[in-house]
Each structure stands twice: as structure tokens, then as C-alpha cells.
Amino acid sequence: MDLMRSLPLGLYLEQPVTWLHRLDARVKLAWLLAFLLTPILAGSATRLVLVSLLVVITLAARIPWRVWRQQMVWLLLVAFFATLLTAISPDGYGLKYQARSPTDGAVNGTVSPQSTVVPAGQPNPIAPTLSQPTTYRYWLLQRWPIQVSRRSLDMGLRVGSLVFILIYSTTLLLLTTAPEEIAAGLEWLMAPLGRWGLPVAEVTLTLTLSLRFIPLVLEEVQNLVRSIRTRAINWQRLGWRGTIKIWLILAERLLENLLMRADQMASAMQVRGFTSPDRHSLPLFEPRSTGRDRWAWGLLLLLAGARLWWGGQS
């Protein structure tokens, strides 16, 4: 199992360089913020449009299939099952539906054609059941024990699309943007907050180190998994106590390795004379805007205007 390839979370794709790589990090951060905020108070149609837009952006950028096929396939499966489980769950209304009929005679939901009183001893003429005047149905599927209503299906689509949008938009940003570019873009965006005493340099430095530390965590987990596989442990003979004991040992070993890696990074920074961002300048990527970035800003404004035009319930 290669976690560095099967689970590329927080990894940066250096080659090939696509047009998403060439976009300014500030533009991509603004687009990410738009993808995270647009689903708020939005309907299922708007969220499905955002999902389709993310897929179209991925295909248009010509990102290699080997890079995003596994994470997109698994993410689509997670979103599909989230939609399915929410759709077949109760919609939360708890309403009891009862057929409405006049008081002068109704049998099994049928309605009498007249409201006159029928003499005793004579049969009451019963008209056939009135058909639904429209094609509207609240219950879309009623096959016991599976019941899908319009509200439950709408909630399922909202949950599934929201899971896909939140995870994949962030993954796409990390895949096409270097950590230094993300830190530089955030530092530029948060620069006005430095007037109120916010440590902007410390925040960007912490973010850069965190993004660099994610591949190290995956590497340590991968090494521990490979070490367990090479020993060919018989889990059935160990029992649940032995299994728990081994997993606790692995967790302890993982924590020790991560702390050792963190200590090595701190020692490397101290050796290079780094004391604090105020005394030691941290060279980051310098953002530069091009014509492609201006087109991206314009499309983002069009998306924001369309979202405001449709309103909160579209």
C-alpha cells in the first residue's frame, strides 16, 4: 500500500504544470472561498452545478488521470452513499396522511356524487375515486421499508454534494498550489490585520510547516503498515487483547516518530539562524498577477453575481 499515491492529501503536483498551477495563489484562494460559501443556503440544483463545475475544471486542467482518479472515485462513492442513506431516512416531518371525504357518505376514500340525503333502505350511489389533477407526488418511492420523499431526496442531494464540494475543492487547491504560494497568498490577504496586532508572519509560517508536515505523517504511517505486513502477524491467534496491544504499540511508535521529525525540523531552523519571523525574514513566493488571473477574477465576480441574483433558496 502506497499512501503517498493512493491518498494524496496535502501533496503538491509538480509535473505536469497546468494552467491551474500558473494561476495566482490569491485567485485560487478566492475561488476556494467562493466554493466553500456558495453552498450555504443554496438548493440542490446550485450544489450540483458546483460539483459539475469542479469536475469540468479538473478535466480542463488536464491533470493526469493517475493523480485524481482514486481520490475522486472514492469521494464520489462517499458522496453517493451519503445521499442514499439520507434519502431513505425519515424526512423528519412525521405527518399522518388521511383521505378527506364529505360527511354524508364515504367508503374507502370514495366520494358520493351528491350531498343529498339517501332514503333508508336504498343503495347509496358511490362515484369513482377522483384522480389527482396534477402530477405532483410527495412520496417518490414507497416500497416497504424503503420510503423516499421529496424532502428526504433533497436533503440527500444537499449532504452528498456538500461533502464532495468541501473536500475536493480543498484537495484541488493543495494539488495545484505549492505550500509557499498558499502561505504567501494568505500573508498578502491578511496583511491589513497586522495593524490590529495579529501575528501574520507567525500564522503563515505555521501554515507552511503544517503543509510540509502532512507528507511526513503519511510516510510514517506507510512505513509502519509495511513493517506489520512484513512480519506476517496472525491476528486470529492473537485475539482481541493482543490486537489492541499491538495497535497501541503502533500508535505510540507513530507518535514518537512524528515528534522526532518535528524536533529535527526545529533543529534545522535553529542551525540556519532562524529565531522568529520578526528577526529572520522567511523568503516566500512573491505573488504576481497576469492576464489569466484577471480573467479568473472576472469569472469569479460573475459567479458571485449569479449567486446573489438567484437568492438564498436557489
Protein backbone atom coordinates (compact mmCIF):
# COMPACT_ATOMS: atom_id res chain seq x y z
CA MET A 1 0.00 0.00 0.00
CA ASP A 2 1.40 3.36 -1.06
CA LEU A 3 -0.36 6.10 0.88
CA MET A 4 1.64 8.77 -0.91
CA ARG A 5 -0.13 7.84 -4.16
CA SER A 6 -3.45 6.38 -3.06
CA LEU A 7 -4.18 9.18 -0.58
CA PRO A 8 -2.54 12.37 -1.94
CA LEU A 9 -3.84 14.72 0.74
CA GLY A 10 -1.86 17.91 1.02
CA LEU A 11 0.59 16.85 -1.71
CA TYR A 12 1.69 19.20 -4.45
CA LEU A 13 1.80 18.02 -8.08
CA GLU A 14 4.98 19.47 -9.55
CA GLN A 15 4.70 17.90 -13.01
CA PRO A 16 2.98 18.47 -15.36
CA VAL A 17 2.49 22.21 -14.94
CA THR A 18 -1.11 23.03 -15.87
CA TRP A 19 -2.88 26.35 -16.23
CA LEU A 20 -4.14 25.91 -12.66
CA HIS A 21 -0.52 25.89 -11.49
CA ARG A 22 0.11 29.19 -13.27
CA LEU A 23 -2.79 31.00 -11.64
CA ASP A 24 -2.04 33.36 -8.80
CA ALA A 25 -2.47 31.79 -5.37
CA ARG A 26 -4.67 34.70 -4.29
CA VAL A 27 -7.08 33.99 -7.14
CA LYS A 28 -7.26 30.32 -6.22
CA LEU A 29 -7.84 31.15 -2.57
CA ALA A 30 -10.69 33.45 -3.57
CA TRP A 31 -12.21 30.71 -5.74
CA LEU A 32 -11.86 28.24 -2.87
CA LEU A 33 -13.64 30.66 -0.56
CA ALA A 34 -16.41 31.02 -3.15
CA PHE A 35 -16.82 27.24 -3.40
CA LEU A 36 -17.00 26.98 0.39
CA LEU A 37 -19.51 29.82 0.86
CA THR A 38 -21.76 29.37 -2.17
CA PRO A 39 -23.43 26.14 -0.92
CA ILE A 40 -24.69 27.98 2.18
CA LEU A 41 -28.49 28.36 1.93
CA ALA A 42 -28.32 27.03 -1.63
CA GLY A 43 -30.63 24.48 -3.17
CA SER A 44 -29.78 21.09 -4.61
CA ALA A 45 -29.58 22.42 -8.18
CA THR A 46 -26.96 25.04 -7.27
CA ARG A 47 -24.85 22.50 -5.40
CA LEU A 48 -24.96 20.02 -8.25
CA VAL A 49 -23.84 22.81 -10.59
CA LEU A 50 -20.84 23.43 -8.32
CA VAL A 51 -19.98 19.72 -8.34
CA SER A 52 -20.13 19.69 -12.14
CA LEU A 53 -18.00 22.85 -12.27
CA LEU A 54 -15.28 21.22 -10.15
CA VAL A 55 -15.23 18.18 -12.42
CA VAL A 56 -15.07 20.38 -15.53
CA ILE A 57 -12.17 22.40 -14.05
CA THR A 58 -10.28 19.19 -13.31
CA LEU A 59 -10.79 17.88 -16.84
CA ALA A 60 -9.96 21.24 -18.44
CA ALA A 61 -6.71 21.49 -16.45
CA ARG A 62 -5.65 18.09 -17.89
CA ILE A 63 -4.49 16.78 -14.56
CA PRO A 64 -3.20 13.22 -15.08
CA TRP A 65 -5.78 10.52 -14.54
CA ARG A 66 -3.44 8.60 -12.24
CA VAL A 67 -3.37 11.53 -9.83
CA TRP A 68 -7.03 12.26 -9.22
CA ARG A 69 -8.82 9.06 -10.24
CA GLN A 70 -8.60 7.35 -6.85
CA GLN A 71 -9.46 10.31 -4.69
CA MET A 72 -12.32 11.42 -6.96
CA VAL A 73 -13.73 7.90 -7.28
CA TRP A 74 -13.64 7.33 -3.53
CA LEU A 75 -15.04 10.78 -2.87
CA LEU A 76 -17.86 10.20 -5.34
CA LEU A 77 -18.66 6.90 -3.61
CA VAL A 78 -18.74 8.61 -0.21
CA ALA A 79 -20.99 11.36 -1.55
CA PHE A 80 -23.26 8.78 -3.25
CA PHE A 81 -23.70 6.71 -0.09
CA ALA A 82 -24.28 9.87 1.96
CA THR A 83 -27.01 10.86 -0.49
CA LEU A 84 -28.53 7.36 -0.48
CA LEU A 85 -28.59 6.99 3.31
CA THR A 86 -30.09 10.45 3.78
CA ALA A 87 -32.69 9.88 1.06
CA ILE A 88 -34.03 6.63 2.55
CA SER A 89 -34.02 8.06 6.08
CA PRO A 90 -37.19 9.61 7.55
CA ASP A 91 -37.72 13.16 6.35
CA GLY A 92 -38.40 14.42 9.88
CA TYR A 93 -41.92 15.69 9.34
CA GLY A 94 -43.77 12.79 11.00
CA LEU A 95 -47.08 13.65 9.34
CA LYS A 96 -50.05 11.30 9.13
CA TYR A 97 -51.82 11.39 5.80
CA GLN A 98 -55.59 10.80 5.80
CA ALA A 99 -58.03 10.87 2.89
CA ARG A 100 -60.51 13.77 3.01
CA SER A 101 -64.16 12.92 2.29
CA PRO A 102 -67.57 14.52 2.90
CA THR A 103 -69.63 13.52 5.92
CA ASP A 104 -72.71 12.35 4.01
CA GLY A 105 -71.14 9.12 2.82
CA ALA A 106 -67.63 7.97 2.07
CA VAL A 107 -66.47 4.42 1.69
CA ASN A 108 -62.77 3.63 1.41
CA GLY A 109 -61.86 7.09 0.18
CA THR A 110 -64.66 7.39 -2.43
CA VAL A 111 -66.95 10.40 -2.59
CA SER A 112 -70.69 10.45 -3.26
CA PRO A 113 -71.73 12.47 -6.30
CA GLN A 114 -74.44 14.39 -4.43
CA SER A 115 -74.78 15.81 -0.99
CA THR A 116 -78.47 14.89 -0.73
CA VAL A 117 -79.80 12.54 1.93
CA VAL A 118 -80.38 8.99 0.65
CA PRO A 119 -83.63 7.35 1.91
CA ALA A 120 -83.30 4.39 4.20
CA GLY A 121 -83.25 1.05 2.51
CA GLN A 122 -81.98 2.34 -0.83
CA PRO A 123 -78.37 1.91 -2.03
CA ASN A 124 -76.14 4.97 -1.94
CA PRO A 125 -74.64 5.61 -5.37
CA ILE A 126 -70.88 5.96 -4.95
CA ALA A 127 -68.81 7.81 -7.52
CA PRO A 128 -65.37 6.52 -8.51
CA THR A 129 -62.26 7.86 -6.78
CA LEU A 130 -61.24 11.29 -8.04
CA SER A 131 -57.90 11.33 -9.85
CA GLN A 132 -55.02 13.62 -8.93
CA PRO A 133 -55.36 16.84 -11.00
CA THR A 134 -51.56 17.31 -11.23
CA THR A 135 -48.51 15.07 -11.45
CA TYR A 136 -47.18 16.21 -8.07
CA ARG A 137 -46.33 13.43 -5.60
CA TYR A 138 -44.74 13.97 -2.22
CA TRP A 139 -43.70 10.31 -1.88
CA LEU A 140 -41.42 9.41 -4.75
CA LEU A 141 -40.85 5.80 -3.69
CA GLN A 142 -42.82 3.66 -1.24
CA ARG A 143 -41.52 0.13 -1.14
CA TRP A 144 -41.50 -1.00 2.45
CA PRO A 145 -39.21 -0.49 4.31
CA ILE A 146 -37.73 1.98 1.79
CA GLN A 147 -39.58 5.27 1.55
CA VAL A 148 -38.20 8.27 -0.29
CA SER A 149 -39.97 11.61 -0.13
CA ARG A 150 -39.21 14.86 -1.89
CA ARG A 151 -37.78 16.37 1.27
CA SER A 152 -35.53 13.38 2.08
CA LEU A 153 -34.21 13.25 -1.51
CA ASP A 154 -33.48 16.98 -1.45
CA MET A 155 -31.66 16.61 1.86
CA GLY A 156 -29.66 13.69 0.49
CA LEU A 157 -28.56 15.66 -2.56
CA ARG A 158 -27.56 18.56 -0.35
CA VAL A 159 -25.50 16.40 2.01
CA GLY A 160 -23.74 14.44 -0.74
CA SER A 161 -22.92 17.49 -2.84
CA LEU A 162 -21.70 19.40 0.21
CA VAL A 163 -19.31 16.60 1.18
CA PHE A 164 -17.89 16.49 -2.34
CA ILE A 165 -17.53 20.27 -2.68
CA LEU A 166 -15.84 20.85 0.67
CA ILE A 167 -13.30 18.05 0.33
CA TYR A 168 -12.50 18.11 -3.37
CA SER A 169 -12.20 21.89 -3.74
CA THR A 170 -9.63 21.97 -0.94
CA THR A 171 -7.77 18.96 -2.36
CA LEU A 172 -7.65 20.55 -5.81
CA LEU A 173 -6.14 23.72 -4.35
CA LEU A 174 -3.42 21.79 -2.50
CA LEU A 175 -2.74 19.68 -5.58
CA THR A 176 -2.06 22.62 -7.89
CA THR A 177 -0.57 25.17 -5.47
CA ALA A 178 2.75 24.96 -3.68
CA PRO A 179 2.72 25.48 0.09
CA GLU A 180 4.91 28.56 -0.26
CA GLU A 181 2.42 30.11 -2.70
CA ILE A 182 -0.50 29.41 -0.36
CA ALA A 183 1.36 30.94 2.58
CA ALA A 184 2.36 33.99 0.52
CA GLY A 185 -1.20 34.47 -0.71
CA LEU A 186 -2.61 34.25 2.80
CA GLU A 187 0.05 36.62 4.08
CA TRP A 188 -0.93 39.14 1.41
CA LEU A 189 -4.63 38.77 2.20
CA MET A 190 -4.09 39.04 5.97
CA ALA A 191 -1.63 41.94 5.76
CA PRO A 192 -4.27 44.55 6.82
CA LEU A 193 -4.92 42.54 10.00
CA GLY A 194 -1.34 43.17 11.12
CA ARG A 195 -2.33 46.72 12.09
CA TRP A 196 -4.52 45.27 14.87
CA GLY A 197 -1.70 43.18 16.29
CA LEU A 198 -2.37 39.89 14.52
CA PRO A 199 0.89 37.92 14.07
CA VAL A 200 0.55 37.43 10.33
CA ALA A 201 4.12 36.18 9.83
CA GLU A 202 3.76 33.56 12.58
CA VAL A 203 0.46 32.33 11.14
CA THR A 204 1.87 31.93 7.63
CA LEU A 205 4.97 30.18 8.97
CA THR A 206 2.85 27.75 10.96
CA LEU A 207 0.71 27.05 7.90
CA THR A 208 3.78 26.40 5.75
CA LEU A 209 5.24 23.97 8.27
CA SER A 210 1.88 22.21 8.63
CA LEU A 211 1.54 21.69 4.89
CA ARG A 212 5.09 20.37 4.74
CA PHE A 213 4.43 18.04 7.68
CA ILE A 214 1.42 16.25 6.12
CA PRO A 215 3.53 14.13 3.71
CA LEU A 216 5.80 13.19 6.61
CA VAL A 217 2.82 11.88 8.58
CA LEU A 218 1.67 9.79 5.60
CA GLU A 219 5.18 8.46 5.14
CA GLU A 220 5.45 7.36 8.78
CA VAL A 221 2.05 5.63 8.64
CA GLN A 222 3.06 3.89 5.42
CA ASN A 223 6.32 2.65 6.97
CA LEU A 224 4.50 1.22 9.99
CA VAL A 225 1.96 -0.55 7.79
CA ARG A 226 4.72 -2.09 5.71
CA SER A 227 6.58 -3.23 8.81
CA ILE A 228 3.44 -5.01 10.06
CA ARG A 229 2.91 -6.72 6.70
CA THR A 230 6.48 -8.00 6.51
CA ARG A 231 6.11 -9.70 9.90
CA ALA A 232 3.02 -11.67 8.75
CA ILE A 233 1.25 -11.45 12.10
CA ASN A 234 -1.56 -13.97 12.66
CA TRP A 235 -4.27 -11.69 14.04
CA GLN A 236 -6.70 -14.54 14.74
CA ARG A 237 -4.35 -16.30 17.12
CA LEU A 238 -3.60 -13.07 18.98
CA GLY A 239 -7.21 -12.42 19.96
CA TRP A 240 -8.72 -9.05 20.67
CA ARG A 241 -6.41 -8.32 23.62
CA GLY A 242 -3.26 -8.98 21.62
CA THR A 243 -4.61 -6.97 18.69
CA ILE A 244 -5.37 -3.97 20.89
CA LYS A 245 -1.92 -4.23 22.47
CA ILE A 246 -0.18 -4.21 19.08
CA TRP A 247 -2.24 -1.25 17.84
CA LEU A 248 -1.38 0.70 20.99
CA ILE A 249 2.30 -0.03 20.41
CA LEU A 250 1.99 1.16 16.81
CA ALA A 251 0.23 4.36 17.88
CA GLU A 252 2.97 5.04 20.44
CA ARG A 253 5.65 4.39 17.85
CA LEU A 254 3.93 6.69 15.35
CA LEU A 255 3.74 9.50 17.91
CA GLU A 256 7.43 9.08 18.76
CA ASN A 257 8.43 9.21 15.08
CA LEU A 258 6.35 12.33 14.44
CA LEU A 259 7.80 14.10 17.47
CA MET A 260 11.29 13.13 16.30
CA ARG A 261 10.57 14.58 12.85
CA ALA A 262 9.25 17.79 14.42
CA ASP A 263 12.37 18.06 16.58
CA GLN A 264 14.56 17.60 13.50
CA MET A 265 12.72 20.40 11.69
CA ALA A 266 13.12 22.71 14.70
CA SER A 267 16.84 21.91 14.93
CA ALA A 268 17.31 22.60 11.21
CA MET A 269 15.66 26.01 11.58
CA GLN A 270 17.79 26.89 14.60
CA VAL A 271 21.00 25.86 12.84
CA ARG A 272 20.14 28.20 9.97
CA GLY A 273 19.77 31.09 12.41
CA PHE A 274 16.01 31.29 12.44
CA THR A 275 14.75 32.77 15.70
CA SER A 276 11.42 34.45 14.88
CA PRO A 277 9.70 35.86 11.77
CA ASP A 278 10.33 39.41 13.06
CA ARG A 279 14.12 38.95 13.20
CA HIS A 280 14.59 36.45 10.40
CA SER A 281 12.84 37.06 7.11
CA LEU A 282 11.24 33.98 5.62
CA PRO A 283 11.51 34.11 1.80
CA LEU A 284 8.17 33.08 0.33
CA PHE A 285 6.76 33.09 -3.15
CA GLU A 286 6.05 36.60 -4.44
CA PRO A 287 2.53 36.77 -5.94
CA ARG A 288 2.30 38.17 -9.45
CA SER A 289 -0.86 38.89 -11.43
CA THR A 290 -1.16 38.16 -15.14
CA GLY A 291 -3.88 38.40 -17.78
CA ARG A 292 -5.02 34.87 -16.92
CA ASP A 293 -5.56 35.98 -13.32
CA ARG A 294 -7.70 38.93 -14.39
CA TRP A 295 -9.92 36.58 -16.41
CA ALA A 296 -10.25 34.37 -13.33
CA TRP A 297 -11.23 37.38 -11.20
CA GLY A 298 -13.87 38.33 -13.76
CA LEU A 299 -15.37 34.84 -13.83
CA LEU A 300 -15.41 34.82 -10.04
CA LEU A 301 -17.34 38.09 -9.98
CA LEU A 302 -19.83 36.64 -12.48
CA LEU A 303 -20.30 33.59 -10.26
CA ALA A 304 -20.84 35.76 -7.18
CA GLY A 305 -23.30 37.98 -9.05
CA ALA A 306 -25.27 34.97 -10.31
CA ARG A 307 -25.41 33.55 -6.80
CA LEU A 308 -26.71 36.82 -5.36
CA TRP A 309 -29.22 37.16 -8.20
CA TRP A 310 -30.74 33.74 -7.62
CA GLY A 311 -31.02 34.35 -3.90
CA GLY A 312 -30.58 32.17 -0.87
CA GLN A 313 -33.06 29.46 -1.81
CA SER A 314 -31.99 28.79 -5.40
